């Protein structure tokens, strides 16, 4: 992802599925330490990011993100009459400078 982020401390965002992986990687490894991020991600991507070793959805991104930050599931988000939106879940990313 070629975009440079300005200095920030908190992130609250609804992330499109197509850029979820590069955006999460950029947030975590972009060199801009932040206090907390709350991201609304498509359910499938959130589950891959939260997968543990041995899970079928465990991925390289999950390993890399967990090395530097604590990631936790927030809660599901219902579509309520919006048929074009995929099912989404909140994901919280705290303590990005894990020691």
PDB file of N, CA and C in Angstrom:
ATOM      1  N   UNK A   1       0.852  -1.164   0.000  1.00  0.00           N
ATOM      2  CA  UNK A   1       0.000   0.000   0.000  1.00  0.00           C
ATOM      3  C   UNK A   1       0.904   1.234   0.000  1.00  0.00           C
ATOM      4  N   UNK A   2       0.738   2.103  -0.985  1.00  0.00           N
ATOM      5  CA  UNK A   2       1.648   3.226  -1.193  1.00  0.00           C
ATOM      6  C   UNK A   2       1.277   4.493  -0.440  1.00  0.00           C
ATOM      7  N   UNK A   3       0.111   4.527   0.174  1.00  0.00           N
ATOM      8  CA  UNK A   3      -0.357   5.722   0.875  1.00  0.00           C
ATOM      9  C   UNK A   3       0.425   5.912   2.171  1.00  0.00           C
ATOM     10  N   UNK A   4       0.848   7.140   2.426  1.00  0.00           N
ATOM     11  CA  UNK A   4       1.510   7.470   3.688  1.00  0.00           C
ATOM     12  C   UNK A   4       0.454   7.986   4.661  1.00  0.00           C
ATOM     13  N   UNK A   5       0.426   7.433   5.859  1.00  0.00           N
ATOM     14  CA  UNK A   5      -0.533   7.867   6.865  1.00  0.00           C
ATOM     15  C   UNK A   5       0.026   9.056   7.642  1.00  0.00           C
ATOM     16  N   UNK A   6      -0.835  10.006   8.003  1.00  0.00           N
ATOM     17  CA  UNK A   6      -0.386  11.076   8.900  1.00  0.00           C
ATOM     18  C   UNK A   6      -0.234  10.502  10.308  1.00  0.00           C
ATOM     19  N   UNK A   7       0.362  11.271  11.199  1.00  0.00           N
ATOM     20  CA  UNK A   7       0.498  10.854  12.596  1.00  0.00           C
ATOM     21  C   UNK A   7      -0.893  10.707  13.210  1.00  0.00           C
ATOM     22  N   UNK A   8      -1.122   9.626  13.947  1.00  0.00           N
ATOM     23  CA  UNK A   8      -2.418   9.400  14.592  1.00  0.00           C
ATOM     24  C   UNK A   8      -2.206   8.567  15.841  1.00  0.00           C
ATOM     25  N   UNK A   9      -3.222   8.566  16.709  1.00  0.00           N
ATOM     26  CA  UNK A   9      -3.157   7.816  17.960  1.00  0.00           C
ATOM     27  C   UNK A   9      -4.254   6.757  18.038  1.00  0.00           C
ATOM     28  N   UNK A  10      -5.408   7.037  17.446  1.00  0.00           N
ATOM     29  CA  UNK A  10      -6.547   6.120  17.457  1.00  0.00           C
ATOM     30  C   UNK A  10      -7.043   5.893  16.034  1.00  0.00           C
ATOM     31  N   UNK A  11      -7.549   4.682  15.774  1.00  0.00           N
ATOM     32  CA  UNK A  11      -8.113   4.355  14.464  1.00  0.00           C
ATOM     33  C   UNK A  11      -9.493   3.747  14.673  1.00  0.00           C
ATOM     34  N   UNK A  12     -10.478   4.270  13.960  1.00  0.00           N
ATOM     35  CA  UNK A  12     -11.814   3.677  13.887  1.00  0.00           C
ATOM     36  C   UNK A  12     -12.156   3.681  12.409  1.00  0.00           C
ATOM     37  N   UNK A  13     -12.361   2.473  11.834  1.00  0.00           N
ATOM     38  CA  UNK A  13     -12.550   2.411  10.386  1.00  0.00           C
ATOM     39  C   UNK A  13     -13.381   1.213   9.961  1.00  0.00           C
ATOM     40  N   UNK A  14     -14.100   1.383   8.865  1.00  0.00           N
ATOM     41  CA  UNK A  14     -14.825   0.318   8.192  1.00  0.00           C
ATOM     42  C   UNK A  14     -13.991  -0.018   6.966  1.00  0.00           C
ATOM     43  N   UNK A  15     -13.355  -1.180   6.960  1.00  0.00           N
ATOM     44  CA  UNK A  15     -12.372  -1.523   5.942  1.00  0.00           C
ATOM     45  C   UNK A  15     -12.990  -2.396   4.843  1.00  0.00           C
ATOM     46  N   UNK A  16     -12.880  -1.989   3.564  1.00  0.00           N
ATOM     47  CA  UNK A  16     -13.355  -2.841   2.478  1.00  0.00           C
ATOM     48  C   UNK A  16     -12.538  -4.131   2.411  1.00  0.00           C
ATOM     49  N   UNK A  17     -13.195  -5.245   2.099  1.00  0.00           N
ATOM     50  CA  UNK A  17     -12.538  -6.547   2.084  1.00  0.00           C
ATOM     51  C   UNK A  17     -11.312  -6.558   1.172  1.00  0.00           C
ATOM     52  N   UNK A  18     -11.412  -5.921   0.026  1.00  0.00           N
ATOM     53  CA  UNK A  18     -10.340  -5.958  -0.965  1.00  0.00           C
ATOM     54  C   UNK A  18      -9.022  -5.353  -0.518  1.00  0.00           C
ATOM     55  N   UNK A  19      -9.049  -4.471   0.478  1.00  0.00           N
ATOM     56  CA  UNK A  19      -7.798  -3.872   0.957  1.00  0.00           C
ATOM     57  C   UNK A  19      -7.525  -4.204   2.427  1.00  0.00           C
ATOM     58  N   UNK A  20      -8.286  -5.134   2.990  1.00  0.00           N
ATOM     59  CA  UNK A  20      -8.123  -5.468   4.408  1.00  0.00           C
ATOM     60  C   UNK A  20      -6.710  -5.902   4.752  1.00  0.00           C
ATOM     61  N   UNK A  21      -6.170  -6.841   4.003  1.00  0.00           N
ATOM     62  CA  UNK A  21      -4.854  -7.391   4.314  1.00  0.00           C
ATOM     63  C   UNK A  21      -3.741  -6.334   4.213  1.00  0.00           C
ATOM     64  N   UNK A  22      -3.611  -5.614   3.091  1.00  0.00           N
ATOM     65  CA  UNK A  22      -2.541  -4.623   3.027  1.00  0.00           C
ATOM     66  C   UNK A  22      -2.735  -3.470   4.013  1.00  0.00           C
ATOM     67  N   UNK A  23      -3.989  -3.099   4.289  1.00  0.00           N
ATOM     68  CA  UNK A  23      -4.228  -2.003   5.224  1.00  0.00           C
ATOM     69  C   UNK A  23      -3.876  -2.395   6.652  1.00  0.00           C
ATOM     70  N   UNK A  24      -4.270  -3.594   7.077  1.00  0.00           N
ATOM     71  CA  UNK A  24      -3.924  -4.057   8.425  1.00  0.00           C
ATOM     72  C   UNK A  24      -2.401  -4.166   8.557  1.00  0.00           C
ATOM     73  N   UNK A  25      -1.742  -4.713   7.547  1.00  0.00           N
ATOM     74  CA  UNK A  25      -0.279  -4.806   7.585  1.00  0.00           C
ATOM     75  C   UNK A  25       0.356  -3.423   7.686  1.00  0.00           C
ATOM     76  N   UNK A  26      -0.156  -2.474   6.929  1.00  0.00           N
ATOM     77  CA  UNK A  26       0.383  -1.107   6.962  1.00  0.00           C
ATOM     78  C   UNK A  26       0.148  -0.461   8.325  1.00  0.00           C
ATOM     79  N   UNK A  27      -1.032  -0.658   8.904  1.00  0.00           N
ATOM     80  CA  UNK A  27      -1.299  -0.112  10.235  1.00  0.00           C
ATOM     81  C   UNK A  27      -0.332  -0.661  11.266  1.00  0.00           C
ATOM     82  N   UNK A  28      -0.128  -1.967  11.229  1.00  0.00           N
ATOM     83  CA  UNK A  28       0.682  -2.623  12.251  1.00  0.00           C
ATOM     84  C   UNK A  28       2.179  -2.401  12.035  1.00  0.00           C
ATOM     85  N   UNK A  29       2.631  -2.423  10.795  1.00  0.00           N
ATOM     86  CA  UNK A  29       4.065  -2.321  10.511  1.00  0.00           C
ATOM     87  C   UNK A  29       4.478  -0.996   9.882  1.00  0.00           C
ATOM     88  N   UNK A  30       3.559  -0.025   9.827  1.00  0.00           N
ATOM     89  CA  UNK A  30       3.839   1.231   9.143  1.00  0.00           C
ATOM     90  C   UNK A  30       4.770   2.190   9.872  1.00  0.00           C
ATOM     91  N   UNK A  31       5.189   1.856  11.063  1.00  0.00           N
ATOM     92  CA  UNK A  31       6.117   2.719  11.784  1.00  0.00           C
ATOM     93  C   UNK A  31       5.449   3.872  12.499  1.00  0.00           C
ATOM     94  N   UNK A  32       4.121   3.884  12.539  1.00  0.00           N
ATOM     95  CA  UNK A  32       3.395   4.936  13.234  1.00  0.00           C
ATOM     96  C   UNK A  32       2.720   4.310  14.460  1.00  0.00           C
ATOM     97  N   UNK A  33       3.381   4.344  15.621  1.00  0.00           N
ATOM     98  CA  UNK A  33       2.778   3.704  16.797  1.00  0.00           C
ATOM     99  C   UNK A  33       1.457   4.369  17.177  1.00  0.00           C
ATOM    100  N   UNK A  34       0.470   3.547  17.452  1.00  0.00           N
ATOM    101  CA  UNK A  34      -0.830   4.077  17.837  1.00  0.00           C
ATOM    102  C   UNK A  34      -1.319   3.337  19.066  1.00  0.00           C
ATOM    103  N   UNK A  35      -2.252   3.945  19.763  1.00  0.00           N
ATOM    104  CA  UNK A  35      -2.758   3.390  21.018  1.00  0.00           C
ATOM    105  C   UNK A  35      -3.780   2.288  20.793  1.00  0.00           C
ATOM    106  N   UNK A  36      -4.701   2.485  19.851  1.00  0.00           N
ATOM    107  CA  UNK A  36      -5.772   1.523  19.665  1.00  0.00           C
ATOM    108  C   UNK A  36      -6.406   1.678  18.286  1.00  0.00           C
ATOM    109  N   UNK A  37      -6.896   0.555  17.752  1.00  0.00           N
ATOM    110  CA  UNK A  37      -7.625   0.570  16.481  1.00  0.00           C
ATOM    111  C   UNK A  37      -8.866  -0.295  16.632  1.00  0.00           C
ATOM    112  N   UNK A  38      -9.984   0.219  16.195  1.00  0.00           N
ATOM    113  CA  UNK A  38     -11.227  -0.553  16.130  1.00  0.00           C
ATOM    114  C   UNK A  38     -11.633  -0.598  14.671  1.00  0.00           C
ATOM    115  N   UNK A  39     -11.617  -1.798  14.106  1.00  0.00           N
ATOM    116  CA  UNK A  39     -11.856  -1.965  12.681  1.00  0.00           C
ATOM    117  C   UNK A  39     -13.097  -2.807  12.456  1.00  0.00           C
ATOM    118  N   UNK A  40     -13.921  -2.397  11.504  1.00  0.00           N
ATOM    119  CA  UNK A  40     -15.060  -3.203  11.075  1.00  0.00           C
ATOM    120  C   UNK A  40     -14.588  -3.942   9.837  1.00  0.00           C
ATOM    121  N   UNK A  41     -14.459  -5.263   9.966  1.00  0.00           N
ATOM    122  CA  UNK A  41     -13.919  -6.095   8.901  1.00  0.00           C
ATOM    123  C   UNK A  41     -14.937  -7.156   8.501  1.00  0.00           C
ATOM    124  N   UNK A  42     -14.839  -7.620   7.261  1.00  0.00           N
ATOM    125  CA  UNK A  42     -15.712  -8.703   6.833  1.00  0.00           C
ATOM    126  C   UNK A  42     -15.406  -9.939   7.683  1.00  0.00           C
ATOM    127  N   UNK A  43     -16.452 -10.661   8.021  1.00  0.00           N
ATOM    128  CA  UNK A  43     -16.366 -11.791   8.955  1.00  0.00           C
ATOM    129  C   UNK A  43     -15.247 -12.778   8.592  1.00  0.00           C
ATOM    130  N   UNK A  44     -15.146 -13.159   7.333  1.00  0.00           N
ATOM    131  CA  UNK A  44     -14.139 -14.136   6.914  1.00  0.00           C
ATOM    132  C   UNK A  44     -12.723 -13.630   7.193  1.00  0.00           C
ATOM    133  N   UNK A  45     -12.472 -12.353   6.908  1.00  0.00           N
ATOM    134  CA  UNK A  45     -11.142 -11.794   7.147  1.00  0.00           C
ATOM    135  C   UNK A  45     -10.858 -11.705   8.643  1.00  0.00           C
ATOM    136  N   UNK A  46     -11.839 -11.267   9.417  1.00  0.00           N
ATOM    137  CA  UNK A  46     -11.661 -11.165  10.874  1.00  0.00           C
ATOM    138  C   UNK A  46     -11.338 -12.528  11.470  1.00  0.00           C
ATOM    139  N   UNK A  47     -12.021 -13.560  11.011  1.00  0.00           N
ATOM    140  CA  UNK A  47     -11.768 -14.913  11.530  1.00  0.00           C
ATOM    141  C   UNK A  47     -10.361 -15.387  11.175  1.00  0.00           C
ATOM    142  N   UNK A  48      -9.884 -15.055   9.974  1.00  0.00           N
ATOM    143  CA  UNK A  48      -8.510 -15.429   9.601  1.00  0.00           C
ATOM    144  C   UNK A  48      -7.498 -14.693  10.465  1.00  0.00           C
ATOM    145  N   UNK A  49      -7.759 -13.436  10.731  1.00  0.00           N
ATOM    146  CA  UNK A  49      -6.827 -12.644  11.542  1.00  0.00           C
ATOM    147  C   UNK A  49      -6.784 -13.126  12.988  1.00  0.00           C
ATOM    148  N   UNK A  50      -7.890 -13.650  13.485  1.00  0.00           N
ATOM    149  CA  UNK A  50      -7.975 -14.125  14.863  1.00  0.00           C
ATOM    150  C   UNK A  50      -7.623 -15.605  15.024  1.00  0.00           C
ATOM    151  N   UNK A  51      -7.402 -16.308  13.915  1.00  0.00           N
ATOM    152  CA  UNK A  51      -7.140 -17.747  13.970  1.00  0.00           C
ATOM    153  C   UNK A  51      -5.889 -18.050  14.792  1.00  0.00           C
ATOM    154  N   UNK A  52      -5.932 -19.207  15.438  1.00  0.00           N
ATOM    155  CA  UNK A  52      -4.805 -19.665  16.252  1.00  0.00           C
ATOM    156  C   UNK A  52      -4.062 -20.771  15.512  1.00  0.00           C
ATOM    157  N   UNK A  53      -2.844 -21.031  15.937  1.00  0.00           N
ATOM    158  CA  UNK A  53      -2.039 -22.098  15.362  1.00  0.00           C
ATOM    159  C   UNK A  53      -2.829 -23.403  15.372  1.00  0.00           C
ATOM    160  N   UNK A  54      -2.868 -24.075  14.245  1.00  0.00           N
ATOM    161  CA  UNK A  54      -3.606 -25.322  14.121  1.00  0.00           C
ATOM    162  C   UNK A  54      -4.983 -25.151  13.510  1.00  0.00           C
ATOM    163  N   UNK A  55      -5.538 -23.923  13.546  1.00  0.00           N
ATOM    164  CA  UNK A  55      -6.825 -23.660  12.904  1.00  0.00           C
ATOM    165  C   UNK A  55      -6.657 -23.703  11.386  1.00  0.00           C
ATOM    166  N   UNK A  56      -7.699 -24.107  10.681  1.00  0.00           N
ATOM    167  CA  UNK A  56      -7.628 -24.164   9.216  1.00  0.00           C
ATOM    168  C   UNK A  56      -7.479 -22.768   8.603  1.00  0.00           C
ATOM    169  N   UNK A  57      -7.898 -21.723   9.313  1.00  0.00           N
ATOM    170  CA  UNK A  57      -7.837 -20.354   8.787  1.00  0.00           C
ATOM    171  C   UNK A  57      -6.558 -19.613   9.205  1.00  0.00           C
ATOM    172  N   UNK A  58      -5.662 -20.290   9.930  1.00  0.00           N
ATOM    173  CA  UNK A  58      -4.418 -19.672  10.399  1.00  0.00           C
ATOM    174  C   UNK A  58      -3.587 -19.237   9.197  1.00  0.00           C
ATOM    175  N   UNK A  59      -3.078 -17.995   9.229  1.00  0.00           N
ATOM    176  CA  UNK A  59      -2.362 -17.453   8.076  1.00  0.00           C
ATOM    177  C   UNK A  59      -1.089 -16.717   8.509  1.00  0.00           C
ATOM    178  N   UNK A  60      -0.288 -16.400   7.519  1.00  0.00           N
ATOM    179  CA  UNK A  60       0.950 -15.656   7.769  1.00  0.00           C
ATOM    180  C   UNK A  60       0.646 -14.278   8.359  1.00  0.00           C
ATOM    181  N   UNK A  61      -0.401 -13.624   7.860  1.00  0.00           N
ATOM    182  CA  UNK A  61      -0.768 -12.313   8.390  1.00  0.00           C
ATOM    183  C   UNK A  61      -1.137 -12.414   9.870  1.00  0.00           C
ATOM    184  N   UNK A  62      -1.888 -13.441  10.246  1.00  0.00           N
ATOM    185  CA  UNK A  62      -2.272 -13.625  11.650  1.00  0.00           C
ATOM    186  C   UNK A  62      -1.031 -13.769  12.527  1.00  0.00           C
ATOM    187  N   UNK A  63      -0.062 -14.536  12.075  1.00  0.00           N
ATOM    188  CA  UNK A  63       1.180 -14.721  12.833  1.00  0.00           C
ATOM    189  C   UNK A  63       1.900 -13.388  12.988  1.00  0.00           C
ATOM    190  N   UNK A  64       2.073 -12.679  11.880  1.00  0.00           N
ATOM    191  CA  UNK A  64       2.820 -11.415  11.905  1.00  0.00           C
ATOM    192  C   UNK A  64       2.142 -10.355  12.762  1.00  0.00           C
ATOM    193  N   UNK A  65       0.826 -10.242  12.656  1.00  0.00           N
ATOM    194  CA  UNK A  65       0.102  -9.249  13.440  1.00  0.00           C
ATOM    195  C   UNK A  65       0.195  -9.574  14.928  1.00  0.00           C
ATOM    196  N   UNK A  66       0.048 -10.848  15.283  1.00  0.00           N
ATOM    197  CA  UNK A  66       0.093 -11.244  16.690  1.00  0.00           C
ATOM    198  C   UNK A  66       1.486 -11.091  17.305  1.00  0.00           C
ATOM    199  N   UNK A  67       2.503 -11.014  16.476  1.00  0.00           N
ATOM    200  CA  UNK A  67       3.853 -10.790  16.996  1.00  0.00           C
ATOM    201  C   UNK A  67       4.011  -9.394  17.581  1.00  0.00           C
ATOM    202  N   UNK A  68       3.262  -8.428  17.053  1.00  0.00           N
ATOM    203  CA  UNK A  68       3.473  -7.044  17.461  1.00  0.00           C
ATOM    204  C   UNK A  68       2.291  -6.380  18.147  1.00  0.00           C
ATOM    205  N   UNK A  69       1.138  -7.026  18.166  1.00  0.00           N
ATOM    206  CA  UNK A  69      -0.030  -6.399  18.779  1.00  0.00           C
ATOM    207  C   UNK A  69      -0.961  -7.450  19.374  1.00  0.00           C
ATOM    208  N   UNK A  70      -1.807  -7.022  20.255  1.00  0.00           N
ATOM    209  CA  UNK A  70      -2.854  -7.880  20.801  1.00  0.00           C
ATOM    210  C   UNK A  70      -4.125  -7.621  20.008  1.00  0.00           C
ATOM    211  N   UNK A  71      -4.696  -8.670  19.443  1.00  0.00           N
ATOM    212  CA  UNK A  71      -5.898  -8.555  18.634  1.00  0.00           C
ATOM    213  C   UNK A  71      -7.020  -9.288  19.346  1.00  0.00           C
ATOM    214  N   UNK A  72      -8.174  -8.663  19.416  1.00  0.00           N
ATOM    215  CA  UNK A  72      -9.318  -9.307  20.063  1.00  0.00           C
ATOM    216  C   UNK A  72     -10.589  -9.025  19.271  1.00  0.00           C
ATOM    217  N   UNK A  73     -11.523  -9.958  19.363  1.00  0.00           N
ATOM    218  CA  UNK A  73     -12.813  -9.830  18.701  1.00  0.00           C
ATOM    219  C   UNK A  73     -13.700  -8.886  19.500  1.00  0.00           C
ATOM    220  N   UNK A  74     -14.355  -7.961  18.824  1.00  0.00           N
ATOM    221  CA  UNK A  74     -15.298  -7.063  19.482  1.00  0.00           C
ATOM    222  C   UNK A  74     -16.673  -7.693  19.521  1.00  0.00           C
ATOM    223  N   UNK A  75     -17.407  -7.635  18.434  1.00  0.00           N
ATOM    224  CA  UNK A  75     -18.699  -8.298  18.326  1.00  0.00           C
ATOM    225  C   UNK A  75     -19.166  -8.268  16.885  1.00  0.00           C
ATOM    226  N   UNK A  76     -20.162  -9.099  16.569  1.00  0.00           N
ATOM    227  CA  UNK A  76     -20.717  -9.134  15.224  1.00  0.00           C
ATOM    228  C   UNK A  76     -21.579  -7.908  14.956  1.00  0.00           C
ATOM    229  N   UNK A  77     -21.816  -7.646  13.695  1.00  0.00           N
ATOM    230  CA  UNK A  77     -22.608  -6.495  13.282  1.00  0.00           C
ATOM    231  C   UNK A  77     -23.670  -6.989  12.305  1.00  0.00           C
ATOM    232  N   UNK A  78     -24.944  -6.827  12.638  1.00  0.00           N
ATOM    233  CA  UNK A  78     -26.025  -7.307  11.770  1.00  0.00           C
ATOM    234  C   UNK A  78     -26.276  -6.328  10.631  1.00  0.00           C
ATOM    235  N   UNK A  79     -26.713  -6.874   9.504  1.00  0.00           N
ATOM    236  CA  UNK A  79     -26.928  -6.068   8.308  1.00  0.00           C
ATOM    237  C   UNK A  79     -28.211  -5.258   8.356  1.00  0.00           C
ATOM    238  N   UNK A  80     -29.227  -5.709   9.016  1.00  0.00           N
ATOM    239  CA  UNK A  80     -30.510  -5.016   9.191  1.00  0.00           C
ATOM    240  C   UNK A  80     -31.013  -4.332   7.926  1.00  0.00           C
ATOM    241  N   UNK A  81     -31.433  -5.128   6.952  1.00  0.00           N
ATOM    242  CA  UNK A  81     -32.099  -4.581   5.779  1.00  0.00           C
ATOM    243  C   UNK A  81     -31.191  -4.092   4.676  1.00  0.00           C
ATOM    244  N   UNK A  82     -29.891  -4.224   4.811  1.00  0.00           N
ATOM    245  CA  UNK A  82     -28.974  -3.800   3.757  1.00  0.00           C
ATOM    246  C   UNK A  82     -28.431  -5.070   3.117  1.00  0.00           C
ATOM    247  N   UNK A  83     -29.052  -5.504   2.042  1.00  0.00           N
ATOM    248  CA  UNK A  83     -28.713  -6.796   1.446  1.00  0.00           C
ATOM    249  C   UNK A  83     -27.384  -6.798   0.696  1.00  0.00           C
ATOM    250  N   UNK A  84     -26.876  -5.643   0.319  1.00  0.00           N
ATOM    251  CA  UNK A  84     -25.642  -5.612  -0.468  1.00  0.00           C
ATOM    252  C   UNK A  84     -24.389  -5.696   0.397  1.00  0.00           C
ATOM    253  N   UNK A  85     -24.511  -5.540   1.711  1.00  0.00           N
ATOM    254  CA  UNK A  85     -23.335  -5.591   2.578  1.00  0.00           C
ATOM    255  C   UNK A  85     -23.063  -7.003   3.062  1.00  0.00           C
ATOM    256  N   UNK A  86     -21.792  -7.431   3.018  1.00  0.00           N
ATOM    257  CA  UNK A  86     -21.468  -8.736   3.576  1.00  0.00           C
ATOM    258  C   UNK A  86     -21.551  -8.676   5.104  1.00  0.00           C
ATOM    259  N   UNK A  87     -21.701  -9.828   5.740  1.00  0.00           N
ATOM    260  CA  UNK A  87     -21.745  -9.851   7.193  1.00  0.00           C
ATOM    261  C   UNK A  87     -20.384  -9.407   7.725  1.00  0.00           C
ATOM    262  N   UNK A  88     -20.394  -8.538   8.716  1.00  0.00           N
ATOM    263  CA  UNK A  88     -19.159  -7.970   9.232  1.00  0.00           C
ATOM    264  C   UNK A  88     -19.043  -8.201  10.721  1.00  0.00           C
ATOM    265  N   UNK A  89     -17.832  -8.042  11.223  1.00  0.00           N
ATOM    266  CA  UNK A  89     -17.554  -8.145  12.645  1.00  0.00           C
ATOM    267  C   UNK A  89     -16.601  -7.034  13.052  1.00  0.00           C
ATOM    268  N   UNK A  90     -16.735  -6.576  14.291  1.00  0.00           N
ATOM    269  CA  UNK A  90     -15.775  -5.618  14.814  1.00  0.00           C
ATOM    270  C   UNK A  90     -14.545  -6.367  15.281  1.00  0.00           C
ATOM    271  N   UNK A  91     -13.393  -5.777  15.085  1.00  0.00           N
ATOM    272  CA  UNK A  91     -12.144  -6.342  15.559  1.00  0.00           C
ATOM    273  C   UNK A  91     -11.381  -5.229  16.252  1.00  0.00           C
ATOM    274  N   UNK A  92     -10.925  -5.478  17.452  1.00  0.00           N
ATOM    275  CA  UNK A  92     -10.166  -4.468  18.195  1.00  0.00           C
ATOM    276  C   UNK A  92      -8.703  -4.841  18.212  1.00  0.00           C
ATOM    277  N   UNK A  93      -7.853  -3.880  17.964  1.00  0.00           N
ATOM    278  CA  UNK A  93      -6.414  -4.075  17.965  1.00  0.00           C
ATOM    279  C   UNK A  93      -5.839  -3.116  18.999  1.00  0.00           C
ATOM    280  N   UNK A  94      -5.340  -3.646  20.095  1.00  0.00           N
ATOM    281  CA  UNK A  94      -4.832  -2.806  21.168  1.00  0.00           C
ATOM    282  C   UNK A  94      -3.359  -3.081  21.431  1.00  0.00           C
ATOM    283  N   UNK A  95      -2.702  -2.139  22.099  1.00  0.00           N
ATOM    284  CA  UNK A  95      -1.286  -2.285  22.468  1.00  0.00           C
ATOM    285  C   UNK A  95      -0.411  -2.620  21.282  1.00  0.00           C
ATOM    286  N   UNK A  96      -0.403  -1.789  20.238  1.00  0.00           N
ATOM    287  CA  UNK A  96       0.340  -2.130  19.034  1.00  0.00           C
ATOM    288  C   UNK A  96       1.842  -2.217  19.240  1.00  0.00           C
ATOM    289  N   UNK A  97       2.358  -1.721  20.336  1.00  0.00           N
ATOM    290  CA  UNK A  97       3.790  -1.838  20.587  1.00  0.00           C
ATOM    291  C   UNK A  97       4.011  -2.917  21.634  1.00  0.00           C
ATOM    292  N   UNK A  98       3.629  -4.128  21.286  1.00  0.00           N
ATOM    293  CA  UNK A  98       3.742  -5.280  22.191  1.00  0.00           C
ATOM    294  C   UNK A  98       5.189  -5.501  22.575  1.00  0.00           C
ATOM    295  N   UNK A  99       5.397  -5.804  23.819  1.00  0.00           N
ATOM    296  CA  UNK A  99       6.788  -5.985  24.277  1.00  0.00           C
ATOM    297  C   UNK A  99       7.073  -7.433  24.548  1.00  0.00           C
TER     298      UNK A  99
END
